[in-house]
């Protein structure tokens, strides 16, 4: 999991490059700015899906340390497990509720509505990536909660 998250962190670079290139492509070259935007959107969707899990794994997402830092380590580990257990139904709900939307997009290799460029289905698939990674991280946290400093 750590290797996947570290590798996905590099997706931020192409997003930044594509965002930067949109203006010169549109204003100077008058071509391919919409393609750069579309590509940037699906890379960003995948990046965000992975980044939420990375933040949770690092203990920086949806976590506060203002009060919990005074709790004993054993209590903090129990809280991590309880939080992970509560996350599982949410992730399963997302996977089940979005089944038709995501599968139809994948089956049809859905394109971007404005440009008809391929890849829009990847944005919808990123929803499943987010929920799947959260399920895996929840299982990891239940089995072996992060050590608190």
N, C-alpha and C. Protein backbone atom coordinates (compact mmCIF):
# COMPACT_ATOMS: atom_id res chain seq x y z
N UNK A 1 0.83 -1.19 0.00
CA UNK A 1 0.00 0.00 0.00
C UNK A 1 0.88 1.26 0.00
N UNK A 2 1.91 1.26 0.82
CA UNK A 2 2.78 2.43 0.91
C UNK A 2 3.45 2.72 -0.43
N UNK A 3 3.88 1.69 -1.14
CA UNK A 3 4.54 1.88 -2.44
C UNK A 3 3.56 2.45 -3.46
N UNK A 4 2.33 1.95 -3.47
CA UNK A 4 1.31 2.46 -4.39
C UNK A 4 1.03 3.93 -4.12
N UNK A 5 0.89 4.28 -2.87
CA UNK A 5 0.60 5.66 -2.51
C UNK A 5 1.76 6.58 -2.85
N UNK A 6 2.98 6.12 -2.62
CA UNK A 6 4.16 6.93 -2.95
C UNK A 6 4.26 7.14 -4.46
N UNK A 7 4.01 6.09 -5.22
CA UNK A 7 4.05 6.19 -6.68
C UNK A 7 2.98 7.14 -7.19
N UNK A 8 1.78 7.05 -6.64
CA UNK A 8 0.67 7.91 -7.08
C UNK A 8 0.92 9.37 -6.72
N UNK A 9 1.74 9.63 -5.74
CA UNK A 9 2.06 11.01 -5.40
C UNK A 9 2.70 11.77 -6.55
N UNK A 10 3.35 11.04 -7.43
CA UNK A 10 3.99 11.66 -8.59
C UNK A 10 2.97 12.15 -9.62
N UNK A 11 1.72 11.74 -9.49
CA UNK A 11 0.69 12.22 -10.42
C UNK A 11 0.46 13.73 -10.29
N UNK A 12 0.88 14.30 -9.19
CA UNK A 12 0.72 15.75 -9.02
C UNK A 12 1.51 16.52 -10.07
N UNK A 13 2.66 15.99 -10.47
CA UNK A 13 3.48 16.71 -11.45
C UNK A 13 2.81 16.86 -12.81
N UNK A 14 2.28 15.78 -13.41
CA UNK A 14 1.61 16.01 -14.70
C UNK A 14 0.38 16.90 -14.57
N UNK A 15 -0.31 16.86 -13.45
CA UNK A 15 -1.46 17.75 -13.27
C UNK A 15 -1.00 19.20 -13.30
N UNK A 16 0.06 19.51 -12.58
CA UNK A 16 0.58 20.87 -12.55
C UNK A 16 1.05 21.30 -13.94
N UNK A 17 1.77 20.43 -14.64
CA UNK A 17 2.25 20.75 -15.99
C UNK A 17 1.08 20.99 -16.93
N UNK A 18 0.07 20.12 -16.89
CA UNK A 18 -1.08 20.29 -17.78
C UNK A 18 -1.86 21.56 -17.46
N UNK A 19 -2.00 21.87 -16.18
CA UNK A 19 -2.67 23.12 -15.83
C UNK A 19 -1.88 24.33 -16.33
N UNK A 20 -0.57 24.26 -16.20
CA UNK A 20 0.27 25.35 -16.68
C UNK A 20 0.19 25.49 -18.20
N UNK A 21 0.18 24.37 -18.91
CA UNK A 21 0.19 24.40 -20.38
C UNK A 21 -1.13 24.85 -21.00
N UNK A 22 -2.21 24.79 -20.25
CA UNK A 22 -3.50 25.15 -20.84
C UNK A 22 -3.51 26.55 -21.43
N UNK A 23 -2.98 27.53 -20.72
CA UNK A 23 -3.03 28.91 -21.20
C UNK A 23 -2.15 29.12 -22.44
N UNK A 24 -0.89 28.67 -22.43
CA UNK A 24 -0.12 28.85 -23.67
C UNK A 24 -0.72 28.08 -24.85
N UNK A 25 -1.23 26.89 -24.58
CA UNK A 25 -1.84 26.12 -25.67
C UNK A 25 -3.05 26.85 -26.24
N UNK A 26 -3.85 27.46 -25.37
CA UNK A 26 -5.04 28.16 -25.83
C UNK A 26 -4.69 29.51 -26.45
N UNK A 27 -3.84 30.30 -25.79
CA UNK A 27 -3.61 31.67 -26.22
C UNK A 27 -2.51 31.82 -27.27
N UNK A 28 -1.49 30.99 -27.22
CA UNK A 28 -0.38 31.11 -28.16
C UNK A 28 -0.54 30.16 -29.35
N UNK A 29 -0.74 28.89 -29.06
CA UNK A 29 -0.81 27.89 -30.12
C UNK A 29 -2.23 27.66 -30.66
N UNK A 30 -3.22 28.11 -29.89
CA UNK A 30 -4.63 27.97 -30.26
C UNK A 30 -5.01 26.53 -30.62
N UNK A 31 -4.44 25.60 -29.86
CA UNK A 31 -4.75 24.18 -30.10
C UNK A 31 -4.43 23.38 -28.84
N UNK A 32 -5.17 22.30 -28.65
CA UNK A 32 -4.93 21.27 -27.64
C UNK A 32 -5.11 21.71 -26.19
N UNK A 33 -5.65 22.89 -25.93
CA UNK A 33 -5.85 23.29 -24.53
C UNK A 33 -6.96 22.47 -23.89
N UNK A 34 -7.98 22.14 -24.63
CA UNK A 34 -9.08 21.34 -24.08
C UNK A 34 -8.62 19.90 -23.82
N UNK A 35 -7.76 19.40 -24.68
CA UNK A 35 -7.22 18.05 -24.46
C UNK A 35 -6.36 18.01 -23.21
N UNK A 36 -5.55 19.07 -23.03
CA UNK A 36 -4.73 19.16 -21.82
C UNK A 36 -5.61 19.23 -20.58
N UNK A 37 -6.71 19.96 -20.67
CA UNK A 37 -7.65 20.06 -19.56
C UNK A 37 -8.28 18.71 -19.25
N UNK A 38 -8.74 18.01 -20.27
CA UNK A 38 -9.37 16.70 -20.07
C UNK A 38 -8.40 15.71 -19.46
N UNK A 39 -7.19 15.65 -19.98
CA UNK A 39 -6.17 14.75 -19.44
C UNK A 39 -5.86 15.10 -17.99
N UNK A 40 -5.73 16.39 -17.72
CA UNK A 40 -5.49 16.84 -16.35
C UNK A 40 -6.60 16.47 -15.40
N UNK A 41 -7.85 16.51 -15.89
CA UNK A 41 -8.99 16.17 -15.03
C UNK A 41 -8.96 14.71 -14.60
N UNK A 42 -8.68 13.79 -15.52
CA UNK A 42 -8.72 12.39 -15.09
C UNK A 42 -7.50 12.02 -14.27
N UNK A 43 -6.36 12.64 -14.55
CA UNK A 43 -5.19 12.39 -13.69
C UNK A 43 -5.45 12.95 -12.29
N UNK A 44 -6.06 14.13 -12.22
CA UNK A 44 -6.38 14.72 -10.93
C UNK A 44 -7.37 13.87 -10.14
N UNK A 45 -8.37 13.31 -10.81
CA UNK A 45 -9.35 12.46 -10.13
C UNK A 45 -8.67 11.25 -9.50
N UNK A 46 -7.75 10.64 -10.22
CA UNK A 46 -7.02 9.49 -9.68
C UNK A 46 -6.12 9.94 -8.54
N UNK A 47 -5.46 11.07 -8.71
CA UNK A 47 -4.58 11.60 -7.66
C UNK A 47 -5.36 11.85 -6.37
N UNK A 48 -6.52 12.48 -6.47
CA UNK A 48 -7.31 12.79 -5.28
C UNK A 48 -7.81 11.50 -4.62
N UNK A 49 -8.23 10.54 -5.43
CA UNK A 49 -8.70 9.26 -4.88
C UNK A 49 -7.62 8.60 -4.04
N UNK A 50 -6.39 8.68 -4.50
CA UNK A 50 -5.28 8.07 -3.77
C UNK A 50 -4.82 8.97 -2.62
N UNK A 51 -4.88 10.28 -2.81
CA UNK A 51 -4.40 11.21 -1.79
C UNK A 51 -5.23 11.15 -0.52
N UNK A 52 -6.53 10.91 -0.64
CA UNK A 52 -7.37 10.81 0.55
C UNK A 52 -6.91 9.63 1.41
N UNK A 53 -6.62 8.52 0.76
CA UNK A 53 -6.12 7.35 1.50
C UNK A 53 -4.75 7.63 2.09
N UNK A 54 -3.89 8.30 1.33
CA UNK A 54 -2.55 8.62 1.83
C UNK A 54 -2.64 9.52 3.06
N UNK A 55 -3.54 10.49 3.03
CA UNK A 55 -3.70 11.38 4.18
C UNK A 55 -4.24 10.62 5.39
N UNK A 56 -5.18 9.72 5.14
CA UNK A 56 -5.70 8.90 6.24
C UNK A 56 -4.61 8.03 6.81
N UNK A 57 -3.83 7.42 5.93
CA UNK A 57 -2.74 6.54 6.37
C UNK A 57 -1.69 7.30 7.18
N UNK A 58 -1.47 8.54 6.80
CA UNK A 58 -0.49 9.37 7.51
C UNK A 58 -1.05 9.94 8.82
N UNK A 59 -2.35 9.75 9.03
CA UNK A 59 -2.97 10.25 10.25
C UNK A 59 -3.24 11.74 10.21
N UNK A 60 -3.28 12.31 9.01
CA UNK A 60 -3.51 13.75 8.88
C UNK A 60 -4.88 14.07 8.30
N UNK A 61 -5.64 13.07 7.91
CA UNK A 61 -6.95 13.30 7.32
C UNK A 61 -8.03 12.95 8.33
N UNK A 62 -8.95 13.86 8.49
CA UNK A 62 -10.07 13.65 9.42
C UNK A 62 -9.60 13.23 10.81
N UNK A 63 -8.47 13.74 11.19
CA UNK A 63 -7.96 13.41 12.51
C UNK A 63 -7.56 14.68 13.24
N UNK A 64 -7.86 14.71 14.52
CA UNK A 64 -7.42 15.85 15.32
C UNK A 64 -6.51 15.33 16.42
N UNK A 65 -5.56 16.13 16.73
CA UNK A 65 -4.62 15.72 17.76
C UNK A 65 -4.70 16.66 18.96
N UNK A 66 -5.57 17.63 18.89
CA UNK A 66 -5.64 18.61 19.97
C UNK A 66 -5.96 17.96 21.32
N UNK A 67 -6.91 17.04 21.33
CA UNK A 67 -7.29 16.37 22.56
C UNK A 67 -6.70 14.97 22.62
N UNK A 68 -6.72 14.27 21.50
CA UNK A 68 -6.31 12.86 21.48
C UNK A 68 -4.84 12.66 21.84
N UNK A 69 -4.02 13.65 21.66
CA UNK A 69 -2.60 13.47 22.00
C UNK A 69 -2.38 13.24 23.49
N UNK A 70 -3.37 13.62 24.29
CA UNK A 70 -3.26 13.40 25.74
C UNK A 70 -3.78 12.03 26.16
N UNK A 71 -4.40 11.31 25.24
CA UNK A 71 -4.91 9.96 25.55
C UNK A 71 -3.76 8.98 25.57
N UNK A 72 -3.88 7.93 26.33
CA UNK A 72 -2.86 6.88 26.29
C UNK A 72 -2.83 6.23 24.90
N UNK A 73 -1.68 5.68 24.54
CA UNK A 73 -1.51 5.07 23.22
C UNK A 73 -2.52 3.95 22.98
N UNK A 74 -2.86 3.21 24.02
CA UNK A 74 -3.82 2.11 23.85
C UNK A 74 -5.20 2.64 23.46
N UNK A 75 -5.61 3.75 24.03
CA UNK A 75 -6.90 4.37 23.69
C UNK A 75 -6.87 4.89 22.26
N UNK A 76 -5.76 5.51 21.86
CA UNK A 76 -5.65 6.02 20.49
C UNK A 76 -5.72 4.88 19.49
N UNK A 77 -5.12 3.74 19.80
CA UNK A 77 -5.19 2.59 18.89
C UNK A 77 -6.63 2.07 18.78
N UNK A 78 -7.35 2.05 19.89
CA UNK A 78 -8.76 1.63 19.86
C UNK A 78 -9.57 2.61 19.00
N UNK A 79 -9.32 3.90 19.15
CA UNK A 79 -10.03 4.89 18.35
C UNK A 79 -9.76 4.72 16.86
N UNK A 80 -8.52 4.40 16.51
CA UNK A 80 -8.18 4.15 15.11
C UNK A 80 -8.97 2.95 14.60
N UNK A 81 -9.03 1.90 15.39
CA UNK A 81 -9.78 0.69 14.98
C UNK A 81 -11.26 0.98 14.84
N UNK A 82 -11.83 1.72 15.77
CA UNK A 82 -13.25 2.05 15.71
C UNK A 82 -13.53 2.93 14.48
N UNK A 83 -12.69 3.91 14.25
CA UNK A 83 -12.85 4.76 13.07
C UNK A 83 -12.76 3.96 11.79
N UNK A 84 -11.84 3.02 11.73
CA UNK A 84 -11.70 2.17 10.55
C UNK A 84 -12.94 1.29 10.37
N UNK A 85 -13.46 0.77 11.46
CA UNK A 85 -14.66 -0.07 11.38
C UNK A 85 -15.86 0.73 10.90
N UNK A 86 -15.94 1.99 11.28
CA UNK A 86 -17.04 2.84 10.82
C UNK A 86 -16.88 3.23 9.35
N UNK A 87 -15.65 3.21 8.87
CA UNK A 87 -15.38 3.57 7.47
C UNK A 87 -15.81 2.47 6.50
N UNK A 88 -15.78 1.23 6.94
CA UNK A 88 -16.10 0.11 6.06
C UNK A 88 -17.51 0.19 5.49
N UNK A 89 -18.56 0.44 6.28
CA UNK A 89 -19.89 0.54 5.69
C UNK A 89 -20.02 1.68 4.67
N UNK A 90 -19.35 2.80 4.96
CA UNK A 90 -19.39 3.92 4.02
C UNK A 90 -18.77 3.51 2.69
N UNK A 91 -17.59 2.92 2.72
CA UNK A 91 -16.91 2.52 1.49
C UNK A 91 -17.74 1.50 0.72
N UNK A 92 -18.33 0.56 1.42
CA UNK A 92 -19.18 -0.43 0.75
C UNK A 92 -20.41 0.23 0.13
N UNK A 93 -21.00 1.18 0.83
CA UNK A 93 -22.14 1.92 0.29
C UNK A 93 -21.75 2.65 -1.00
N UNK A 94 -20.62 3.29 -0.99
CA UNK A 94 -20.15 4.00 -2.19
C UNK A 94 -19.97 3.03 -3.34
N UNK A 95 -19.33 1.89 -3.08
CA UNK A 95 -19.12 0.89 -4.13
C UNK A 95 -20.44 0.38 -4.70
N UNK A 96 -21.37 0.08 -3.82
CA UNK A 96 -22.66 -0.49 -4.26
C UNK A 96 -23.53 0.57 -4.93
N UNK A 97 -23.64 1.74 -4.33
CA UNK A 97 -24.51 2.79 -4.86
C UNK A 97 -24.04 3.32 -6.21
N UNK A 98 -22.74 3.29 -6.46
CA UNK A 98 -22.22 3.83 -7.71
C UNK A 98 -22.00 2.74 -8.77
N UNK A 99 -22.41 1.53 -8.49
CA UNK A 99 -22.15 0.40 -9.39
C UNK A 99 -22.63 0.68 -10.82
N UNK A 100 -23.87 1.06 -10.98
CA UNK A 100 -24.41 1.28 -12.32
C UNK A 100 -23.70 2.42 -13.05
N UNK A 101 -23.46 3.51 -12.33
CA UNK A 101 -22.81 4.67 -12.94
C UNK A 101 -21.41 4.31 -13.43
N UNK A 102 -20.64 3.67 -12.58
CA UNK A 102 -19.26 3.36 -12.91
C UNK A 102 -19.18 2.27 -13.99
N UNK A 103 -19.95 1.22 -13.83
CA UNK A 103 -19.90 0.14 -14.82
C UNK A 103 -20.38 0.60 -16.20
N UNK A 104 -21.42 1.41 -16.26
CA UNK A 104 -21.87 1.93 -17.55
C UNK A 104 -20.81 2.81 -18.20
N UNK A 105 -20.14 3.61 -17.39
CA UNK A 105 -19.08 4.47 -17.92
C UNK A 105 -17.92 3.64 -18.45
N UNK A 106 -17.56 2.58 -17.73
CA UNK A 106 -16.45 1.73 -18.17
C UNK A 106 -16.84 0.96 -19.43
N UNK A 107 -18.04 0.37 -19.42
CA UNK A 107 -18.50 -0.41 -20.59
C UNK A 107 -18.51 0.44 -21.85
N UNK A 108 -18.97 1.66 -21.72
CA UNK A 108 -19.06 2.54 -22.88
C UNK A 108 -17.82 3.36 -23.13
N UNK A 109 -16.78 3.15 -22.32
CA UNK A 109 -15.58 3.98 -22.40
C UNK A 109 -15.97 5.45 -22.57
N UNK A 110 -16.77 5.91 -21.62
CA UNK A 110 -17.38 7.24 -21.68
C UNK A 110 -16.34 8.33 -21.95
N UNK A 111 -16.70 9.22 -22.86
CA UNK A 111 -15.83 10.33 -23.23
C UNK A 111 -16.30 11.60 -22.52
N UNK A 112 -15.45 12.63 -22.55
CA UNK A 112 -15.82 13.91 -21.96
C UNK A 112 -16.97 14.51 -22.76
N UNK A 113 -18.01 15.00 -22.07
CA UNK A 113 -19.20 15.49 -22.79
C UNK A 113 -18.93 16.69 -23.70
N UNK A 114 -18.07 17.61 -23.28
CA UNK A 114 -17.84 18.83 -24.07
C UNK A 114 -16.95 18.59 -25.28
N UNK A 115 -15.95 17.74 -25.12
CA UNK A 115 -14.94 17.58 -26.17
C UNK A 115 -15.01 16.24 -26.88
N UNK A 116 -15.71 15.30 -26.30
CA UNK A 116 -15.77 13.93 -26.81
C UNK A 116 -14.41 13.24 -26.79
N UNK A 117 -13.50 13.77 -25.97
CA UNK A 117 -12.20 13.13 -25.79
C UNK A 117 -12.37 11.91 -24.88
N UNK A 118 -11.60 10.86 -25.11
CA UNK A 118 -11.73 9.66 -24.27
C UNK A 118 -11.21 9.91 -22.85
N UNK A 119 -11.66 9.08 -21.92
CA UNK A 119 -11.09 9.11 -20.58
C UNK A 119 -12.02 9.55 -19.48
N UNK A 120 -13.21 10.02 -19.80
CA UNK A 120 -14.11 10.48 -18.74
C UNK A 120 -14.49 9.35 -17.80
N UNK A 121 -14.53 8.13 -18.34
CA UNK A 121 -14.86 6.98 -17.49
C UNK A 121 -13.84 6.80 -16.37
N UNK A 122 -12.61 7.29 -16.57
CA UNK A 122 -11.59 7.17 -15.53
C UNK A 122 -11.92 8.04 -14.32
N UNK A 123 -12.61 9.14 -14.55
CA UNK A 123 -13.01 10.01 -13.43
C UNK A 123 -14.03 9.27 -12.57
N UNK A 124 -14.97 8.60 -13.22
CA UNK A 124 -15.97 7.84 -12.46
C UNK A 124 -15.34 6.60 -11.82
N UNK A 125 -14.38 6.00 -12.47
CA UNK A 125 -13.69 4.84 -11.91
C UNK A 125 -12.86 5.23 -10.70
N UNK A 126 -12.40 6.48 -10.65
CA UNK A 126 -11.63 6.95 -9.50
C UNK A 126 -12.45 6.89 -8.22
N UNK A 127 -13.76 6.97 -8.34
CA UNK A 127 -14.63 6.82 -7.17
C UNK A 127 -14.47 5.44 -6.56
N UNK A 128 -14.43 4.42 -7.40
CA UNK A 128 -14.22 3.06 -6.90
C UNK A 128 -12.80 2.89 -6.36
N UNK A 129 -11.85 3.54 -7.01
CA UNK A 129 -10.47 3.48 -6.50
C UNK A 129 -10.41 4.07 -5.09
N UNK A 130 -11.06 5.20 -4.89
CA UNK A 130 -11.10 5.83 -3.57
C UNK A 130 -11.72 4.89 -2.54
N UNK A 131 -12.90 4.36 -2.84
CA UNK A 131 -13.58 3.48 -1.89
C UNK A 131 -12.80 2.20 -1.65
N UNK A 132 -12.22 1.63 -2.70
CA UNK A 132 -11.44 0.41 -2.54
C UNK A 132 -10.20 0.61 -1.69
N UNK A 133 -9.48 1.70 -1.93
CA UNK A 133 -8.30 1.98 -1.13
C UNK A 133 -8.67 2.25 0.33
N UNK A 134 -9.80 2.91 0.54
CA UNK A 134 -10.23 3.16 1.91
C UNK A 134 -10.60 1.85 2.61
N UNK A 135 -11.20 0.91 1.88
CA UNK A 135 -11.49 -0.41 2.47
C UNK A 135 -10.20 -1.12 2.86
N UNK A 136 -9.23 -1.09 1.98
CA UNK A 136 -7.94 -1.75 2.28
C UNK A 136 -7.28 -1.09 3.48
N UNK A 137 -7.29 0.26 3.50
CA UNK A 137 -6.66 0.95 4.63
C UNK A 137 -7.42 0.68 5.93
N UNK A 138 -8.74 0.59 5.86
CA UNK A 138 -9.52 0.28 7.06
C UNK A 138 -9.16 -1.11 7.58
N UNK A 139 -9.02 -2.07 6.68
CA UNK A 139 -8.63 -3.43 7.09
C UNK A 139 -7.24 -3.42 7.74
N UNK A 140 -6.33 -2.64 7.16
CA UNK A 140 -4.99 -2.53 7.74
C UNK A 140 -5.07 -1.91 9.13
N UNK A 141 -5.87 -0.85 9.27
CA UNK A 141 -5.98 -0.17 10.57
C UNK A 141 -6.64 -1.05 11.63
N UNK A 142 -7.59 -1.89 11.21
CA UNK A 142 -8.23 -2.78 12.17
C UNK A 142 -7.25 -3.86 12.61
N UNK A 143 -6.49 -4.39 11.66
CA UNK A 143 -5.56 -5.46 11.98
C UNK A 143 -4.31 -4.94 12.72
N UNK A 144 -3.87 -3.76 12.34
CA UNK A 144 -2.63 -3.23 12.90
C UNK A 144 -2.69 -1.70 12.87
N UNK A 145 -3.28 -1.07 13.89
CA UNK A 145 -3.41 0.39 13.88
C UNK A 145 -2.06 1.08 13.91
N UNK A 146 -2.05 2.27 13.33
CA UNK A 146 -0.80 3.09 13.29
C UNK A 146 -0.33 3.38 14.70
N UNK A 147 0.97 3.45 14.83
CA UNK A 147 1.56 3.83 16.12
C UNK A 147 1.43 5.33 16.29
N UNK A 148 1.03 5.76 17.45
CA UNK A 148 0.92 7.18 17.74
C UNK A 148 2.17 7.66 18.44
N UNK A 149 2.56 8.88 18.09
CA UNK A 149 3.74 9.45 18.76
C UNK A 149 3.37 10.06 20.08
